[in-house]
Amino acid sequence: MSEKSEQQRLSVFKTYKLYVGGKFPRSESGRVYEVTDSKGKWLANAPQSSRKDARDAVVAARKAFGGWSGATAYNRGQILYRVAEMLEGRRAQFVHEVADAEGLSKSKAAEQVEATIDRWVWYAGWTDKIAQVVGGGNPVAGPYFNLSSPEPTGVVAVLAPQESSFLGLVSVLAPVIATGNTAVVVASEESPLPALSLGEVLATSDVPGGVVNVLSGRTAEIATPLASHQDVNAIDLAGADEVLAKELEIAAADNLKRVLRPQPVDDWTATPGIDRLTAFLETKTVWHPTGSLGASGSAY
């Protein structure tokens, strides 16, 4: 046996990075923080995002908004389904990361990952159906067509749930982009690794760069500039505690952001309904005269 084979092999530790604009930068501040499992064992160093990273993510999300919101709903559904395919292929990795992040057994973590993939498929199926549910023709007293249709709000800041690092994350992110918005995601502060790995999946799927941007670090530090940012149209406070949520809501009022307040969720595996799909949609209503044909005055 050779001397080399007798030597113990050194592990190759993964370097986690942010996901911004379709690329994987380190935090511009150069900072990292230690991520540990439920027993305090070191897992990795995660980037600790700064205010500058948050602003860069907003710029990327705004740049991507036109193309993503302008894509057909059917095409967005195809792209989201492709993400689910990629998640299925990396299932084992996410089971390992979720088990470490949330202190779950392998079997329980596998259930969470499977539910997450199913949740992504579920929202992919809604992309070309939500308009029929919340839009349509309105009866009016006059010779007019009156049609209402949903449109995306714009750039949405999403504070991922703290306690559900993967299923909760996808449950708040997928409906935002399914309806044509772009997102800046602040990952769970204590358990950011599944979210950062999701960025790798998005980069190797068909999701255009900038549609989803993933930041890790101190939730309050990243969320504060996002809440007051003039080019962020809405914010989901799912991952904020009561005190932080109040502060962010006050900051968001400055430019009339749409705010989704934190809502207690007992079971993330339960069917979510369409509330999060409609939370960041605006309704556009168009009036159009029916017109008349000929002297008889018959209308079409």
Foldseek 3Di string as FASTA:
>chain_A
DDPVVPDDDDDDADDFAWAAQLDGDAAPVPDWDFAFFPVRHTRYTYGAHFQVLLVRLLVLQQVCQVVQQPDALLVLLVQLLQLLVLLVVCLVVQLVLQCRHQVHDSVVSSVLSVLQSVLSNVLSVCSNPVQVVPWAWDDDDAQKTKTKGKGFQEEEEEEFAQNRQRLSRSNQPNLNSSRRYAYEYEGRANRNVVVSVSSVSSSPTPNRGSSYIYDYHDCLRSLQSLLQPLSHQAYEPQHPDPVSQVVSVVNNPVNDHQYHGHDDDPDSSPDDPCCSNCSRIDMDMDMDGQDADPPVRHGD
